Amino acid sequence: MNVLFACSGTAGHVNPALAIATELELKKSDVNMLFVGSGRELEKRLIPQAGYELVNIDMSGLRRKPSLAMVKHNIGTACKLLLAGRSAKEIISRFKPDVVVGTGGYICYPVLKKAAGMGIPTFIHDSNAIPGLTTKMVSGVVDKVLVSFPGQENYYKRPNRVIYTGTPVRNDFTAQATNMSDQNDGKSDKKKLIVSFWGSLGAEFMNGMMAEFISRVIEDGEYRHIHAAGNAQALEKIQSDLEKTGFWEKISPTVELKEYIDDMPKILASADIVLCRAGGSTIGELLALKKPSVLIPSPYVSNNEQLENAKQLEKIGGAFLLEEKNCTGAKIYESVVEILKNSERFNEMSAALEKLNVSNAASDIADMILNTLYPE
């Protein structure tokens, strides 16, 4: 069985595809995978790192803010789209996929549209609470539209094709979720752990508040804290800000500052509360691990989709939503501590996340693909 994946741009698009691919390999031994991306650095790192072959098609998205630069960019995008369709056809003809699965990013449009036109079964998954432009554009031609939150059928012209699956999460997260009760045994005498990280979009602004946040952690001395700045420059800036206020000298082993969190499944499983953005795959991971969170959505993404994602968790009582425009380091810290000090609220938040349990999403989607190709 040959499976072609199309995904590009962000971890929220790539990680769900990797999760589905892993489940397909577990369920069927003779399966070949090929990924199509748009050549961005994250794709080139994550996909080969997971052991899969990647080919790239030069593709860019549309800009929406009116300007002369927007017009020039969108003309270039239209030209790339024409060439992308040809490249997609060449890849499909060479690889001969039995099924094509898109999980987000502009590259999904030429690949899925061409595959559907060639009579190949097609699926697209959208991790966000409101559909992206690409999902809307291909929803009329694909066989199934898979969504991460219930009640999204009305966003689409053909609601009968929409299936609520949740967000596919890599099996190392679901394995950690299974083992969490064992990890938490005997943990009551330890300080509670705050884990924080930001995505690349707007990370500089949010990291600018972390020195004040970390100062409060050091000053109070009641919690452990791991913060991933995202890059060396941001890490150095936080350290410099702490040095200016004298808190760098007071930092203890209970506070860890990193560029990246290499073993995110293990660290998130160990966390008591998570402070982060609200991208689709991050939301899926929080749900799989049932982790209470303080979510600060990125205001720099299209459709304000992260805000809508965060509202889904806030609505069920599983997260506290704080918009970036209202943030200070002190306010973020107070929001986190308010939850940690209220054990009843903390437990209610964790239990509420079960309402959108997605731990089996990748497995369910893999079964759906196999049942389409090999109906009983």
Protein backbone atom coordinates (compact mmCIF):
# COMPACT_ATOMS: atom_id res chain seq x y z
CA MET A 1 0.00 0.00 0.00
CA ASN A 2 1.35 3.41 -0.97
CA VAL A 3 0.28 6.42 1.10
CA LEU A 4 1.06 9.98 0.06
CA PHE A 5 0.95 12.67 2.76
CA ALA A 6 0.75 16.39 2.04
CA CYS A 7 1.64 18.76 4.88
CA SER A 8 3.66 21.92 5.25
CA GLY A 9 4.38 24.98 7.30
CA THR A 10 4.00 24.23 10.99
CA ALA A 11 4.34 21.40 13.49
CA GLY A 12 0.55 21.56 13.77
CA HIS A 13 0.39 20.30 10.19
CA VAL A 14 3.35 17.91 10.19
CA ASN A 15 2.92 16.11 13.52
CA PRO A 16 -0.63 14.84 12.84
CA ALA A 17 0.60 13.34 9.57
CA LEU A 18 3.48 11.63 11.36
CA ALA A 19 1.04 10.26 13.95
CA ILE A 20 -1.20 8.75 11.25
CA ALA A 21 1.80 7.32 9.38
CA THR A 22 3.04 5.57 12.53
CA GLU A 23 -0.37 4.00 13.16
CA LEU A 24 -0.62 2.78 9.56
CA GLU A 25 2.76 1.08 9.92
CA LEU A 26 1.61 -0.59 13.13
CA LYS A 27 -1.55 -1.89 11.48
CA LYS A 28 -0.12 -2.93 8.10
CA SER A 29 3.39 -4.20 7.43
CA ASP A 30 3.67 -3.57 3.69
CA VAL A 31 3.02 0.16 3.56
CA ASN A 32 5.17 2.77 1.80
CA MET A 33 5.02 6.44 2.81
CA LEU A 34 5.98 9.54 0.88
CA PHE A 35 5.58 13.07 2.22
CA VAL A 36 5.14 16.19 0.12
CA GLY A 37 6.13 19.50 1.69
CA SER A 38 6.88 23.04 0.57
CA GLY A 39 10.56 23.08 1.49
CA ARG A 40 10.37 24.83 4.86
CA GLU A 41 12.99 24.07 7.49
CA LEU A 42 10.63 22.46 10.00
CA GLU A 43 9.39 19.95 7.43
CA LYS A 44 12.94 19.15 6.35
CA ARG A 45 13.85 18.45 9.98
CA LEU A 46 10.82 16.62 11.38
CA ILE A 47 9.90 14.32 8.49
CA PRO A 48 13.32 12.78 7.69
CA GLN A 49 14.01 12.63 11.44
CA ALA A 50 10.95 10.36 11.72
CA GLY A 51 12.38 8.13 8.99
CA TYR A 52 10.18 9.12 6.04
CA GLU A 53 11.05 10.28 2.54
CA LEU A 54 10.23 13.90 1.73
CA VAL A 55 9.87 15.64 -1.61
CA ASN A 56 9.18 19.35 -1.91
CA ILE A 57 7.09 21.52 -4.21
CA ASP A 58 7.73 25.25 -4.25
CA MET A 59 4.54 26.74 -2.88
CA SER A 60 3.54 29.83 -0.92
CA GLY A 61 0.34 31.08 0.67
CA LEU A 62 -1.86 34.05 -0.04
CA ARG A 63 -1.44 37.32 1.82
CA ARG A 64 -4.60 39.13 2.84
CA LYS A 65 -3.53 42.54 4.15
CA PRO A 66 -4.06 44.99 1.25
CA SER A 67 -0.82 46.49 -0.07
CA LEU A 68 1.29 46.62 -3.20
CA ALA A 69 3.54 43.96 -1.69
CA MET A 70 0.49 41.76 -1.17
CA VAL A 71 -0.48 42.07 -4.84
CA LYS A 72 3.04 41.16 -6.00
CA HIS A 73 3.24 38.26 -3.58
CA ASN A 74 -0.15 36.85 -4.58
CA ILE A 75 0.70 37.07 -8.28
CA GLY A 76 3.81 35.04 -7.49
CA THR A 77 1.71 32.56 -5.52
CA ALA A 78 -0.67 32.13 -8.49
CA CYS A 79 2.29 31.38 -10.78
CA LYS A 80 3.69 28.88 -8.27
CA LEU A 81 0.27 27.23 -8.04
CA LEU A 82 0.24 26.49 -11.76
CA LEU A 83 3.66 24.86 -11.54
CA ALA A 84 2.72 23.09 -8.29
CA GLY A 85 -0.17 21.32 -10.01
CA ARG A 86 2.21 19.90 -12.60
CA SER A 87 4.71 18.85 -9.97
CA ALA A 88 1.94 17.21 -7.93
CA LYS A 89 0.81 15.22 -10.96
CA GLU A 90 4.38 14.05 -11.62
CA ILE A 91 4.82 12.91 -8.00
CA ILE A 92 1.47 11.12 -7.96
CA SER A 93 2.13 9.42 -11.29
CA ARG A 94 5.55 8.25 -10.13
CA PHE A 95 4.61 7.11 -6.61
CA LYS A 96 1.18 5.72 -7.53
CA PRO A 97 -0.48 6.26 -4.13
CA ASP A 98 -3.48 4.19 -3.10
CA VAL A 99 -4.61 7.06 -0.88
CA VAL A 100 -3.61 10.70 -0.32
CA VAL A 101 -3.87 12.34 3.10
CA GLY A 102 -3.51 16.08 3.72
CA THR A 103 -3.01 17.52 7.20
CA GLY A 104 -2.68 21.22 6.46
CA GLY A 105 -0.60 23.85 4.73
CA TYR A 106 -0.95 25.33 1.28
CA ILE A 107 0.74 22.35 -0.34
CA CYS A 108 -2.42 20.33 0.32
CA TYR A 109 -4.35 22.24 -2.35
CA PRO A 110 -2.46 21.18 -5.51
CA VAL A 111 -1.73 17.67 -4.22
CA LEU A 112 -5.24 16.77 -3.02
CA LYS A 113 -7.02 18.44 -5.90
CA LYS A 114 -4.87 16.62 -8.45
CA ALA A 115 -5.24 13.28 -6.62
CA ALA A 116 -9.02 13.62 -6.38
CA GLY A 117 -9.17 14.46 -10.08
CA MET A 118 -7.24 11.27 -10.81
CA GLY A 119 -9.79 9.18 -8.86
CA ILE A 120 -7.55 8.45 -5.87
CA PRO A 121 -9.21 8.31 -2.41
CA THR A 122 -8.43 11.52 -0.52
CA PHE A 123 -8.68 12.72 3.08
CA ILE A 124 -7.92 16.06 4.65
CA HIS A 125 -7.57 16.71 8.37
CA ASP A 126 -7.80 20.16 9.97
CA SER A 127 -6.47 20.53 13.53
CA ASN A 128 -8.05 23.92 14.16
CA ALA A 129 -11.45 24.91 15.49
CA ILE A 130 -12.21 26.85 12.31
CA PRO A 131 -11.18 25.52 8.90
CA GLY A 132 -8.21 26.99 7.12
CA LEU A 133 -8.42 28.39 3.59
CA THR A 134 -6.84 25.28 2.08
CA THR A 135 -9.27 22.95 3.84
CA LYS A 136 -12.21 24.97 2.57
CA MET A 137 -10.81 25.00 -0.97
CA VAL A 138 -10.44 21.21 -1.20
CA SER A 139 -13.41 20.19 0.96
CA GLY A 140 -15.64 19.92 -2.10
CA VAL A 141 -13.38 17.41 -3.91
CA VAL A 142 -11.93 15.18 -1.17
CA ASP A 143 -13.73 12.06 0.05
CA LYS A 144 -13.58 12.91 3.75
CA VAL A 145 -12.93 16.02 5.84
CA LEU A 146 -11.65 15.07 9.30
CA VAL A 147 -11.98 17.67 12.07
CA SER A 148 -10.60 18.09 15.58
CA PHE A 149 -13.64 19.47 17.35
CA PRO A 150 -17.31 18.40 17.32
CA GLY A 151 -20.02 20.47 15.66
CA GLN A 152 -17.94 21.77 12.74
CA GLU A 153 -20.12 20.36 9.96
CA ASN A 154 -21.79 23.69 9.24
CA TYR A 155 -18.47 25.24 8.19
CA TYR A 156 -18.59 23.10 5.06
CA LYS A 157 -20.78 23.00 1.97
CA ARG A 158 -20.96 19.18 2.15
CA PRO A 159 -21.42 18.43 5.86
CA ASN A 160 -22.05 14.74 5.16
CA ARG A 161 -18.35 14.37 4.35
CA VAL A 162 -17.22 15.81 7.69
CA ILE A 163 -16.15 13.40 10.46
CA TYR A 164 -15.12 14.40 13.98
CA THR A 165 -11.96 12.49 14.86
CA GLY A 166 -9.97 14.76 17.17
CA THR A 167 -6.34 15.64 16.45
CA PRO A 168 -3.95 12.75 15.72
CA VAL A 169 -1.24 12.78 18.39
CA ARG A 170 2.08 10.95 18.12
CA ASN A 171 2.07 7.64 19.96
CA ASP A 172 4.90 8.75 22.26
CA PHE A 173 2.38 11.22 23.75
CA THR A 174 -0.34 8.60 24.14
CA ALA A 175 2.19 6.18 25.69
CA GLN A 176 3.13 8.87 28.21
CA ALA A 177 -0.56 9.42 28.94
CA THR A 178 -0.93 5.71 29.75
CA ASN A 179 2.04 5.82 32.13
CA MET A 180 1.19 9.12 33.82
CA SER A 181 -0.54 7.60 36.83
CA ASP A 182 2.61 5.59 37.60
CA GLN A 183 4.81 8.67 37.19
CA ASN A 184 2.67 10.70 39.57
CA ASP A 185 2.80 8.12 42.37
CA GLY A 186 4.84 9.53 45.24
CA LYS A 187 4.98 12.96 43.62
CA SER A 188 2.99 14.76 46.32
CA ASP A 189 6.08 15.81 48.26
CA LYS A 190 7.64 17.46 45.22
CA LYS A 191 7.17 21.03 44.07
CA LYS A 192 4.62 21.36 41.27
CA LEU A 193 6.08 21.75 37.80
CA ILE A 194 5.24 24.58 35.39
CA VAL A 195 6.24 23.97 31.76
CA SER A 196 6.19 26.89 29.32
CA PHE A 197 7.07 27.32 25.65
CA TRP A 198 6.07 29.49 22.69
CA GLY A 199 5.93 28.90 18.97
CA SER A 200 8.06 30.81 16.50
CA LEU A 201 5.23 33.24 15.67
CA GLY A 202 5.35 36.00 18.23
CA ALA A 203 7.89 34.16 20.38
CA GLU A 204 10.06 37.25 20.76
CA PHE A 205 7.18 39.24 22.30
CA MET A 206 6.13 36.49 24.68
CA ASN A 207 9.69 35.63 25.66
CA GLY A 208 10.07 39.29 26.57
CA MET A 209 7.66 38.71 29.46
CA MET A 210 9.33 35.59 30.76
CA ALA A 211 12.06 37.31 32.79
CA GLU A 212 9.36 38.85 35.00
CA PHE A 213 7.55 35.50 35.17
CA ILE A 214 10.73 33.61 36.08
CA SER A 215 11.62 36.27 38.66
CA ARG A 216 8.33 35.53 40.42
CA VAL A 217 9.04 31.78 40.30
CA ILE A 218 12.47 32.35 41.87
CA GLU A 219 11.12 34.84 44.41
CA ASP A 220 8.28 32.59 45.61
CA GLY A 221 10.37 29.40 45.56
CA GLU A 222 7.25 27.21 45.57
CA TYR A 223 7.41 25.71 42.08
CA ARG A 224 9.67 24.03 39.60
CA HIS A 225 9.76 25.59 36.14
CA ILE A 226 11.04 24.55 32.72
CA HIS A 227 10.90 27.18 29.97
CA ALA A 228 11.87 26.65 26.33
CA ALA A 229 12.75 29.96 24.65
CA GLY A 230 12.83 28.54 21.12
CA ASN A 231 16.25 29.82 20.07
CA ALA A 232 19.62 30.90 21.48
CA GLN A 233 18.97 34.61 21.01
CA ALA A 234 15.73 34.52 23.02
CA LEU A 235 17.42 32.47 25.74
CA GLU A 236 20.27 34.99 26.01
CA LYS A 237 17.79 37.87 26.20
CA ILE A 238 15.91 36.28 29.12
CA GLN A 239 19.17 35.60 30.91
CA SER A 240 20.32 39.20 30.32
CA ASP A 241 17.03 40.58 31.69
CA LEU A 242 17.37 38.39 34.80
CA GLU A 243 20.94 39.58 35.29
CA LYS A 244 19.83 43.21 35.19
CA THR A 245 17.37 42.65 38.04
CA GLY A 246 19.71 40.45 40.08
CA PHE A 247 17.58 37.31 39.77
CA TRP A 248 20.04 35.37 37.62
CA GLU A 249 22.32 35.00 40.65
CA LYS A 250 19.39 33.63 42.67
CA ILE A 251 18.31 31.02 40.11
CA SER A 252 18.21 27.47 41.47
CA PRO A 253 18.21 23.98 39.90
CA THR A 254 14.41 23.99 40.15
CA VAL A 255 14.31 26.54 37.28
CA GLU A 256 15.58 25.32 33.90
CA LEU A 257 15.93 27.56 30.83
CA LYS A 258 16.40 25.79 27.51
CA GLU A 259 16.44 26.60 23.83
CA TYR A 260 14.20 23.62 23.08
CA ILE A 261 12.52 20.79 24.95
CA ASP A 262 13.90 17.72 23.21
CA ASP A 263 11.68 15.15 24.90
CA MET A 264 8.38 17.02 24.86
CA PRO A 265 6.14 13.98 25.56
CA LYS A 266 8.01 13.14 28.76
CA ILE A 267 8.28 16.75 29.95
CA LEU A 268 4.61 17.52 29.29
CA ALA A 269 3.59 14.31 31.04
CA SER A 270 5.60 15.41 34.07
CA ALA A 271 4.10 18.92 34.12
CA ASP A 272 1.37 19.94 36.52
CA ILE A 273 0.35 22.90 34.35
CA VAL A 274 1.37 24.07 30.87
CA LEU A 275 1.75 27.65 29.67
CA CYS A 276 1.77 27.89 25.87
CA ARG A 277 0.19 29.00 22.60
CA ALA A 278 -2.91 27.27 21.21
CA GLY A 279 -1.87 25.66 17.94
CA GLY A 280 -3.85 22.65 16.77
CA SER A 281 -1.29 19.95 17.56
CA THR A 282 -0.44 21.51 20.94
CA ILE A 283 -4.13 21.42 21.86
CA GLY A 284 -4.25 17.77 20.84
CA GLU A 285 -1.27 16.96 23.05
CA LEU A 286 -2.78 18.75 26.04
CA LEU A 287 -6.00 16.80 25.54
CA ALA A 288 -4.20 13.47 25.21
CA LEU A 289 -2.29 14.11 28.45
CA LYS A 290 -5.26 15.86 30.16
CA LYS A 291 -3.04 18.76 31.22
CA PRO A 292 -4.60 21.93 32.63
CA SER A 293 -3.16 24.95 30.86
CA VAL A 294 -3.00 28.70 30.59
CA LEU A 295 -3.32 29.39 26.87
CA ILE A 296 -2.11 32.60 25.25
CA PRO A 297 -3.08 32.28 21.55
CA SER A 298 -0.85 33.78 18.90
CA PRO A 299 -2.59 36.80 17.36
CA TYR A 300 -0.33 36.56 14.29
CA VAL A 301 -1.96 33.56 12.57
CA SER A 302 -4.64 33.67 9.87
CA ASN A 303 -8.32 33.60 10.90
CA ASN A 304 -7.24 34.07 14.53
CA GLU A 305 -7.50 30.28 14.62
CA GLN A 306 -5.50 29.85 17.82
CA LEU A 307 -7.97 32.01 19.73
CA GLU A 308 -10.80 29.77 18.53
CA ASN A 309 -8.81 26.66 19.53
CA ALA A 310 -8.27 28.05 23.01
CA LYS A 311 -11.96 28.89 23.35
CA GLN A 312 -12.81 25.23 22.78
CA LEU A 313 -10.80 24.22 25.85
CA GLU A 314 -11.98 27.21 27.86
CA LYS A 315 -15.60 26.32 27.05
CA ILE A 316 -15.33 22.85 28.57
CA GLY A 317 -13.38 24.19 31.56
CA GLY A 318 -10.03 22.60 30.67
CA ALA A 319 -7.95 25.75 30.19
CA PHE A 320 -7.67 29.38 31.20
CA LEU A 321 -7.58 31.74 28.21
CA LEU A 322 -5.45 34.88 28.39
CA GLU A 323 -5.07 37.09 25.32
CA GLU A 324 -1.62 38.42 24.52
CA LYS A 325 -2.78 42.05 24.48
CA ASN A 326 -3.70 41.71 28.16
CA CYS A 327 -0.46 40.03 29.25
CA THR A 328 2.33 40.97 31.61
CA GLY A 329 4.79 38.55 33.18
CA ALA A 330 3.18 39.13 36.57
CA LYS A 331 -0.35 38.57 35.28
CA ILE A 332 0.65 35.33 33.58
CA TYR A 333 2.28 34.10 36.77
CA GLU A 334 -0.72 34.99 38.90
CA SER A 335 -3.01 33.12 36.46
CA VAL A 336 -0.87 29.99 36.68
CA VAL A 337 -0.57 30.12 40.48
CA GLU A 338 -4.29 30.70 40.94
CA ILE A 339 -4.93 27.32 39.31
CA LEU A 340 -2.11 25.48 41.07
CA LYS A 341 -3.21 26.67 44.52
CA ASN A 342 -6.84 25.69 43.97
CA SER A 343 -6.77 21.89 44.00
CA GLU A 344 -10.50 21.59 43.34
CA ARG A 345 -10.31 23.78 40.25
CA PHE A 346 -7.14 22.01 39.09
CA ASN A 347 -8.79 18.58 39.30
CA GLU A 348 -11.93 19.85 37.55
CA MET A 349 -9.83 21.23 34.68
CA SER A 350 -8.02 17.93 34.23
CA ALA A 351 -11.27 15.95 34.30
CA ALA A 352 -12.93 18.35 31.84
CA LEU A 353 -10.34 17.56 29.16
CA GLU A 354 -11.73 14.04 28.95
CA LYS A 355 -14.75 15.54 27.14
CA LEU A 356 -12.58 16.06 24.06
CA ASN A 357 -10.42 12.97 24.46
CA VAL A 358 -8.40 12.44 21.27
CA SER A 359 -5.99 9.72 22.37
CA ASN A 360 -7.27 7.28 19.71
CA ALA A 361 -7.55 9.79 16.85
CA ALA A 362 -4.49 8.59 14.90
CA SER A 363 -5.54 4.95 15.24
CA ASP A 364 -9.14 5.73 14.23
CA ILE A 365 -8.00 7.64 11.13
CA ALA A 366 -5.63 4.83 10.15
CA ASP A 367 -8.54 2.36 10.43
CA MET A 368 -10.68 4.67 8.32
CA ILE A 369 -8.03 4.73 5.59
CA LEU A 370 -7.58 0.96 5.65
CA ASN A 371 -11.35 0.34 5.59
CA THR A 372 -11.66 2.61 2.55
CA LEU A 373 -9.01 0.63 0.66
CA TYR A 374 -9.88 -2.81 2.01
CA PRO A 375 -13.61 -2.86 2.85
CA GLU A 376 -14.85 -5.95 4.60
